[in-house]
Amino acid sequence: MTFPDPYGSGQDAIQPPPGQAYDPPPPNQGFNPPPPPGQGYAAPPGQGYGQAPPPPGFTAAPPVPAGYGYGQYPAAAVPQGMYFDQISGLVLPEGTELASVGRRIGAWFLAIPLAIVTLGIGYIIWGLIVWGNGQTPALQVLGMRCWRPETNRVAGFWWMALREIAGRLIEGILSFITLITSFVLMVAGRERKALHDWIAGTVVLHDPNKVLRT
């Protein structure tokens, strides 16, 4: 006994009789023929095989200027005779560098014997003379000079007076506490500015070749 095929006439109905091939598909139907030898499948301009078209409304990013990257300072923004210091983030004169922590500490300790040798009054007179060059007696001996990044100039007499008089007085208000605070600011800060430097807006540069001589 046979049962009717609910999906049609069965598999025998779609197979050709013995000795005959399958009928060819009608025109414009079926699979596209493969491309001629040496040619690939055509793709729209600017679009590779298997790539989705770019979303509408977006434009390409502008090209990055040559020589400019992350962590670099634009060369055009640095004035002639200056350079960008990566450590401090400041633009400094060529031939100078930010004074090291050790040199700053050395200047602090050097000021004590200098004041004793010059009997105090001599140290004050010496300081009044060299303030116009952005120095103190200890800074002058160790080849350092105060610089104001805001104006890109050596600190003048009045800025040094603000640093050495008002700055030192403020540092001594709470004695040990403010002195330690000033020291920590100098050691931990990128610009190595003590409290009196913050008040006068100065940084201390090592100037071994005296390129900042005024």
C-alpha atoms as a PDB file:
ATOM      1  CA  MET A   1       0.000   0.000   0.000  1.00  0.00           C
ATOM      2  CA  THR A   2       1.277   3.542  -0.838  1.00  0.00           C
ATOM      3  CA  PHE A   3       0.310   6.831   0.671  1.00  0.00           C
ATOM      4  CA  PRO A   4      -0.127  10.097  -1.225  1.00  0.00           C
ATOM      5  CA  ASP A   5       2.684  12.607  -0.932  1.00  0.00           C
ATOM      6  CA  PRO A   6       1.291  15.714   0.845  1.00  0.00           C
ATOM      7  CA  TYR A   7       4.063  17.942  -0.591  1.00  0.00           C
ATOM      8  CA  GLY A   8       3.593  17.073  -4.201  1.00  0.00           C
ATOM      9  CA  SER A   9       4.233  14.128  -6.438  1.00  0.00           C
ATOM     10  CA  GLY A  10       7.292  12.974  -4.448  1.00  0.00           C
ATOM     11  CA  GLN A  11      10.958  12.998  -5.316  1.00  0.00           C
ATOM     12  CA  ASP A  12      10.387  10.979  -8.458  1.00  0.00           C
ATOM     13  CA  ALA A  13       8.359  13.813  -9.905  1.00  0.00           C
ATOM     14  CA  ILE A  14      11.265  16.300  -9.841  1.00  0.00           C
ATOM     15  CA  GLN A  15      13.882  13.897 -11.170  1.00  0.00           C
ATOM     16  CA  PRO A  16      14.237  13.607 -14.940  1.00  0.00           C
ATOM     17  CA  PRO A  17      13.582  10.276 -16.641  1.00  0.00           C
ATOM     18  CA  PRO A  18      16.543   7.957 -17.033  1.00  0.00           C
ATOM     19  CA  GLY A  19      18.971   9.173 -19.715  1.00  0.00           C
ATOM     20  CA  GLN A  20      17.842  12.822 -19.595  1.00  0.00           C
ATOM     21  CA  ALA A  21      19.413  15.880 -17.917  1.00  0.00           C
ATOM     22  CA  TYR A  22      17.799  18.645 -15.949  1.00  0.00           C
ATOM     23  CA  ASP A  23      16.088  21.339 -17.973  1.00  0.00           C
ATOM     24  CA  PRO A  24      18.104  24.604 -18.176  1.00  0.00           C
ATOM     25  CA  PRO A  25      16.715  27.559 -16.163  1.00  0.00           C
ATOM     26  CA  PRO A  26      14.731  30.194 -18.003  1.00  0.00           C
ATOM     27  CA  PRO A  27      16.637  33.295 -19.314  1.00  0.00           C
ATOM     28  CA  ASN A  28      17.681  35.955 -16.725  1.00  0.00           C
ATOM     29  CA  GLN A  29      17.118  33.462 -13.909  1.00  0.00           C
ATOM     30  CA  GLY A  30      19.442  31.320 -11.866  1.00  0.00           C
ATOM     31  CA  PHE A  31      23.042  31.962 -10.876  1.00  0.00           C
ATOM     32  CA  ASN A  32      25.120  34.672 -12.538  1.00  0.00           C
ATOM     33  CA  PRO A  33      28.029  33.322 -14.568  1.00  0.00           C
ATOM     34  CA  PRO A  34      31.506  33.732 -13.048  1.00  0.00           C
ATOM     35  CA  PRO A  35      33.570  36.720 -14.213  1.00  0.00           C
ATOM     36  CA  PRO A  36      36.010  36.277 -17.117  1.00  0.00           C
ATOM     37  CA  PRO A  37      39.551  35.135 -16.209  1.00  0.00           C
ATOM     38  CA  GLY A  38      41.702  37.949 -14.743  1.00  0.00           C
ATOM     39  CA  GLN A  39      38.729  39.963 -13.570  1.00  0.00           C
ATOM     40  CA  GLY A  40      37.131  40.090 -10.129  1.00  0.00           C
ATOM     41  CA  TYR A  41      33.716  40.975  -9.008  1.00  0.00           C
ATOM     42  CA  ALA A  42      32.935  44.644  -9.596  1.00  0.00           C
ATOM     43  CA  ALA A  43      32.426  46.819  -6.554  1.00  0.00           C
ATOM     44  CA  PRO A  44      31.258  50.420  -6.261  1.00  0.00           C
ATOM     45  CA  PRO A  45      34.052  53.053  -6.287  1.00  0.00           C
ATOM     46  CA  GLY A  46      35.816  53.409  -2.914  1.00  0.00           C
ATOM     47  CA  GLN A  47      34.272  50.172  -1.619  1.00  0.00           C
ATOM     48  CA  GLY A  48      36.116  46.876  -1.425  1.00  0.00           C
ATOM     49  CA  TYR A  49      34.704  43.383  -1.660  1.00  0.00           C
ATOM     50  CA  GLY A  50      32.820  42.502   1.471  1.00  0.00           C
ATOM     51  CA  GLN A  51      32.908  46.037   2.927  1.00  0.00           C
ATOM     52  CA  ALA A  52      29.862  47.995   3.951  1.00  0.00           C
ATOM     53  CA  PRO A  53      29.398  51.464   2.428  1.00  0.00           C
ATOM     54  CA  PRO A  54      30.381  54.368   4.706  1.00  0.00           C
ATOM     55  CA  PRO A  55      27.502  55.831   6.729  1.00  0.00           C
ATOM     56  CA  PRO A  56      26.076  59.066   5.333  1.00  0.00           C
ATOM     57  CA  GLY A  57      26.762  62.403   6.989  1.00  0.00           C
ATOM     58  CA  PHE A  58      30.366  61.698   8.067  1.00  0.00           C
ATOM     59  CA  THR A  59      33.411  63.330   6.522  1.00  0.00           C
ATOM     60  CA  ALA A  60      37.012  62.233   6.687  1.00  0.00           C
ATOM     61  CA  ALA A  61      39.173  63.680   9.478  1.00  0.00           C
ATOM     62  CA  PRO A  62      41.676  66.357   8.408  1.00  0.00           C
ATOM     63  CA  PRO A  63      45.286  65.186   8.038  1.00  0.00           C
ATOM     64  CA  VAL A  64      47.591  65.569  11.056  1.00  0.00           C
ATOM     65  CA  PRO A  65      50.391  68.121  10.480  1.00  0.00           C
ATOM     66  CA  ALA A  66      53.813  66.599   9.987  1.00  0.00           C
ATOM     67  CA  GLY A  67      55.976  66.443  13.088  1.00  0.00           C
ATOM     68  CA  TYR A  68      53.079  66.951  15.484  1.00  0.00           C
ATOM     69  CA  GLY A  69      51.949  64.208  17.839  1.00  0.00           C
ATOM     70  CA  TYR A  70      50.904  63.370  21.349  1.00  0.00           C
ATOM     71  CA  GLY A  71      53.087  65.024  23.976  1.00  0.00           C
ATOM     72  CA  GLN A  72      54.835  67.292  21.453  1.00  0.00           C
ATOM     73  CA  TYR A  73      54.738  71.049  21.426  1.00  0.00           C
ATOM     74  CA  PRO A  74      54.102  72.726  18.053  1.00  0.00           C
ATOM     75  CA  ALA A  75      57.423  73.911  16.735  1.00  0.00           C
ATOM     76  CA  ALA A  76      55.816  77.056  15.285  1.00  0.00           C
ATOM     77  CA  ALA A  77      54.707  78.198  18.760  1.00  0.00           C
ATOM     78  CA  VAL A  78      58.236  78.200  20.208  1.00  0.00           C
ATOM     79  CA  PRO A  79      60.040  81.528  19.665  1.00  0.00           C
ATOM     80  CA  GLN A  80      63.475  81.538  18.138  1.00  0.00           C
ATOM     81  CA  GLY A  81      66.194  80.902  20.696  1.00  0.00           C
ATOM     82  CA  MET A  82      63.775  79.028  22.977  1.00  0.00           C
ATOM     83  CA  TYR A  83      62.852  75.377  23.450  1.00  0.00           C
ATOM     84  CA  PHE A  84      60.005  73.451  25.026  1.00  0.00           C
ATOM     85  CA  ASP A  85      60.969  71.612  28.209  1.00  0.00           C
ATOM     86  CA  GLN A  86      59.030  68.347  28.322  1.00  0.00           C
ATOM     87  CA  ILE A  87      59.485  67.900  32.081  1.00  0.00           C
ATOM     88  CA  SER A  88      58.222  71.270  33.284  1.00  0.00           C
ATOM     89  CA  GLY A  89      55.954  72.126  30.348  1.00  0.00           C
ATOM     90  CA  LEU A  90      57.660  75.546  30.055  1.00  0.00           C
ATOM     91  CA  VAL A  91      59.266  77.344  27.132  1.00  0.00           C
ATOM     92  CA  LEU A  92      62.813  78.110  28.251  1.00  0.00           C
ATOM     93  CA  PRO A  93      65.809  79.879  26.696  1.00  0.00           C
ATOM     94  CA  GLU A  94      68.262  77.639  24.895  1.00  0.00           C
ATOM     95  CA  GLY A  95      71.373  76.925  26.954  1.00  0.00           C
ATOM     96  CA  THR A  96      69.442  76.875  30.231  1.00  0.00           C
ATOM     97  CA  GLU A  97      67.520  74.245  32.146  1.00  0.00           C
ATOM     98  CA  LEU A  98      65.228  74.090  35.126  1.00  0.00           C
ATOM     99  CA  ALA A  99      67.425  74.045  38.239  1.00  0.00           C
ATOM    100  CA  SER A 100      67.544  70.646  39.892  1.00  0.00           C
ATOM    101  CA  VAL A 101      66.202  69.991  43.384  1.00  0.00           C
ATOM    102  CA  GLY A 102      69.719  69.337  44.653  1.00  0.00           C
ATOM    103  CA  ARG A 103      70.999  72.640  43.318  1.00  0.00           C
ATOM    104  CA  ARG A 104      68.063  74.501  44.889  1.00  0.00           C
ATOM    105  CA  ILE A 105      68.738  72.873  48.276  1.00  0.00           C
ATOM    106  CA  GLY A 106      72.434  73.708  47.895  1.00  0.00           C
ATOM    107  CA  ALA A 107      71.584  77.377  47.336  1.00  0.00           C
ATOM    108  CA  TRP A 108      69.473  77.428  50.490  1.00  0.00           C
ATOM    109  CA  PHE A 109      72.294  76.040  52.633  1.00  0.00           C
ATOM    110  CA  LEU A 110      74.905  78.220  50.921  1.00  0.00           C
ATOM    111  CA  ALA A 111      73.027  81.388  51.867  1.00  0.00           C
ATOM    112  CA  ILE A 112      73.708  80.741  55.565  1.00  0.00           C
ATOM    113  CA  PRO A 113      77.542  80.819  55.471  1.00  0.00           C
ATOM    114  CA  LEU A 114      77.494  83.656  52.944  1.00  0.00           C
ATOM    115  CA  ALA A 115      75.396  85.754  55.324  1.00  0.00           C
ATOM    116  CA  ILE A 116      77.776  84.932  58.189  1.00  0.00           C
ATOM    117  CA  VAL A 117      80.935  85.744  56.206  1.00  0.00           C
ATOM    118  CA  THR A 118      79.541  89.063  54.971  1.00  0.00           C
ATOM    119  CA  LEU A 119      78.258  89.915  58.472  1.00  0.00           C
ATOM    120  CA  GLY A 120      74.655  90.067  57.315  1.00  0.00           C
ATOM    121  CA  ILE A 121      74.738  93.675  56.095  1.00  0.00           C
ATOM    122  CA  GLY A 122      77.120  92.762  53.309  1.00  0.00           C
ATOM    123  CA  TYR A 123      74.793  89.971  52.198  1.00  0.00           C
ATOM    124  CA  ILE A 124      71.885  92.416  52.047  1.00  0.00           C
ATOM    125  CA  ILE A 125      73.871  94.926  49.974  1.00  0.00           C
ATOM    126  CA  TRP A 126      75.082  92.139  47.695  1.00  0.00           C
ATOM    127  CA  GLY A 127      71.489  90.993  47.240  1.00  0.00           C
ATOM    128  CA  LEU A 128      70.251  94.484  46.360  1.00  0.00           C
ATOM    129  CA  ILE A 129      72.924  94.661  43.649  1.00  0.00           C
ATOM    130  CA  VAL A 130      72.200  91.303  42.008  1.00  0.00           C
ATOM    131  CA  TRP A 131      68.391  91.417  42.282  1.00  0.00           C
ATOM    132  CA  GLY A 132      68.354  93.399  39.058  1.00  0.00           C
ATOM    133  CA  ASN A 133      69.869  90.345  37.324  1.00  0.00           C
ATOM    134  CA  GLY A 134      67.266  87.972  38.711  1.00  0.00           C
ATOM    135  CA  GLN A 135      69.659  86.535  41.299  1.00  0.00           C
ATOM    136  CA  THR A 136      70.447  86.296  44.974  1.00  0.00           C
ATOM    137  CA  PRO A 137      74.025  85.953  46.251  1.00  0.00           C
ATOM    138  CA  ALA A 138      73.634  82.167  46.586  1.00  0.00           C
ATOM    139  CA  LEU A 139      72.014  81.841  43.144  1.00  0.00           C
ATOM    140  CA  GLN A 140      74.808  83.896  41.602  1.00  0.00           C
ATOM    141  CA  VAL A 141      77.524  81.686  43.117  1.00  0.00           C
ATOM    142  CA  LEU A 142      75.828  78.504  41.836  1.00  0.00           C
ATOM    143  CA  GLY A 143      75.068  79.859  38.352  1.00  0.00           C
ATOM    144  CA  MET A 144      71.310  80.170  38.671  1.00  0.00           C
ATOM    145  CA  ARG A 145      68.859  82.897  37.779  1.00  0.00           C
ATOM    146  CA  CYS A 146      65.160  83.623  38.323  1.00  0.00           C
ATOM    147  CA  TRP A 147      62.991  83.610  35.199  1.00  0.00           C
ATOM    148  CA  ARG A 148      59.379  84.732  34.720  1.00  0.00           C
ATOM    149  CA  PRO A 149      57.603  82.420  32.206  1.00  0.00           C
ATOM    150  CA  GLU A 150      54.681  84.852  32.008  1.00  0.00           C
ATOM    151  CA  THR A 151      56.847  87.468  30.272  1.00  0.00           C
ATOM    152  CA  ASN A 152      59.702  85.204  29.061  1.00  0.00           C
ATOM    153  CA  ARG A 153      62.182  87.524  30.741  1.00  0.00           C
ATOM    154  CA  VAL A 154      64.597  87.474  33.644  1.00  0.00           C
ATOM    155  CA  ALA A 155      62.932  88.645  36.860  1.00  0.00           C
ATOM    156  CA  GLY A 156      63.758  92.320  37.476  1.00  0.00           C
ATOM    157  CA  PHE A 157      64.581  94.125  40.690  1.00  0.00           C
ATOM    158  CA  TRP A 158      61.027  94.602  41.940  1.00  0.00           C
ATOM    159  CA  TRP A 159      59.973  91.030  41.182  1.00  0.00           C
ATOM    160  CA  MET A 160      63.011  89.805  43.087  1.00  0.00           C
ATOM    161  CA  ALA A 161      62.145  92.157  45.949  1.00  0.00           C
ATOM    162  CA  LEU A 162      58.659  90.645  46.034  1.00  0.00           C
ATOM    163  CA  ARG A 163      60.158  87.156  46.011  1.00  0.00           C
ATOM    164  CA  GLU A 164      62.808  87.768  48.669  1.00  0.00           C
ATOM    165  CA  ILE A 165      60.927  90.071  51.025  1.00  0.00           C
ATOM    166  CA  ALA A 166      57.193  89.318  50.815  1.00  0.00           C
ATOM    167  CA  GLY A 167      57.739  85.682  49.819  1.00  0.00           C
ATOM    168  CA  ARG A 168      60.174  84.964  52.625  1.00  0.00           C
ATOM    169  CA  LEU A 169      57.957  86.707  55.178  1.00  0.00           C
ATOM    170  CA  ILE A 170      54.949  84.602  54.140  1.00  0.00           C
ATOM    171  CA  GLU A 171      57.078  81.454  54.317  1.00  0.00           C
ATOM    172  CA  GLY A 172      57.974  82.338  57.893  1.00  0.00           C
ATOM    173  CA  ILE A 173      54.435  83.128  59.075  1.00  0.00           C
ATOM    174  CA  LEU A 174      53.851  79.657  60.476  1.00  0.00           C
ATOM    175  CA  SER A 175      57.548  78.891  60.750  1.00  0.00           C
ATOM    176  CA  PHE A 176      58.149  75.161  60.357  1.00  0.00           C
ATOM    177  CA  ILE A 177      54.788  74.364  58.716  1.00  0.00           C
ATOM    178  CA  THR A 178      55.065  76.912  55.918  1.00  0.00           C
ATOM    179  CA  LEU A 179      58.733  76.099  55.351  1.00  0.00           C
ATOM    180  CA  ILE A 180      57.933  72.412  54.922  1.00  0.00           C
ATOM    181  CA  THR A 181      55.022  73.302  52.642  1.00  0.00           C
ATOM    182  CA  SER A 182      57.319  75.442  50.507  1.00  0.00           C
ATOM    183  CA  PHE A 183      59.876  72.624  50.319  1.00  0.00           C
ATOM    184  CA  VAL A 184      57.254  70.050  49.297  1.00  0.00           C
ATOM    185  CA  LEU A 185      55.942  72.382  46.576  1.00  0.00           C
ATOM    186  CA  MET A 186      59.452  72.763  45.200  1.00  0.00           C
ATOM    187  CA  VAL A 187      60.275  69.046  45.248  1.00  0.00           C
ATOM    188  CA  ALA A 188      56.939  67.693  43.983  1.00  0.00           C
ATOM    189  CA  GLY A 189      55.964  70.374  41.456  1.00  0.00           C
ATOM    190  CA  ARG A 190      56.752  70.102  37.762  1.00  0.00           C
ATOM    191  CA  GLU A 191      58.129  73.646  37.718  1.00  0.00           C
ATOM    192  CA  ARG A 192      59.992  73.226  41.055  1.00  0.00           C
ATOM    193  CA  LYS A 193      58.520  76.415  42.457  1.00  0.00           C
ATOM    194  CA  ALA A 194      58.781  77.100  46.183  1.00  0.00           C
ATOM    195  CA  LEU A 195      56.207  79.237  47.945  1.00  0.00           C
ATOM    196  CA  HIS A 196      58.157  82.468  47.325  1.00  0.00           C
ATOM    197  CA  ASP A 197      58.400  81.513  43.626  1.00  0.00           C
ATOM    198  CA  TRP A 198      54.625  81.161  43.425  1.00  0.00           C
ATOM    199  CA  ILE A 199      54.212  84.607  44.966  1.00  0.00           C
ATOM    200  CA  ALA A 200      56.556  86.274  42.460  1.00  0.00           C
ATOM    201  CA  GLY A 201      55.682  84.053  39.469  1.00  0.00           C
ATOM    202  CA  THR A 202      59.277  82.917  39.015  1.00  0.00           C
ATOM    203  CA  VAL A 203      61.109  79.690  38.246  1.00  0.00           C
ATOM    204  CA  VAL A 204      64.801  79.117  38.914  1.00  0.00           C
ATOM    205  CA  LEU A 205      66.961  78.211  35.910  1.00  0.00           C
ATOM    206  CA  HIS A 206      70.471  76.850  35.819  1.00  0.00           C
ATOM    207  CA  ASP A 207      72.405  79.181  33.510  1.00  0.00           C
ATOM    208  CA  PRO A 208      75.972  77.814  33.382  1.00  0.00           C
ATOM    209  CA  ASN A 209      76.940  79.731  30.229  1.00  0.00           C
ATOM    210  CA  LYS A 210      75.352  83.009  31.393  1.00  0.00           C
ATOM    211  CA  VAL A 211      73.141  83.260  28.334  1.00  0.00           C
ATOM    212  CA  LEU A 212      70.633  85.275  30.418  1.00  0.00           C
ATOM    213  CA  ARG A 213      73.171  87.928  31.353  1.00  0.00           C
ATOM    214  CA  THR A 214      71.509  91.361  31.304  1.00  0.00           C
END
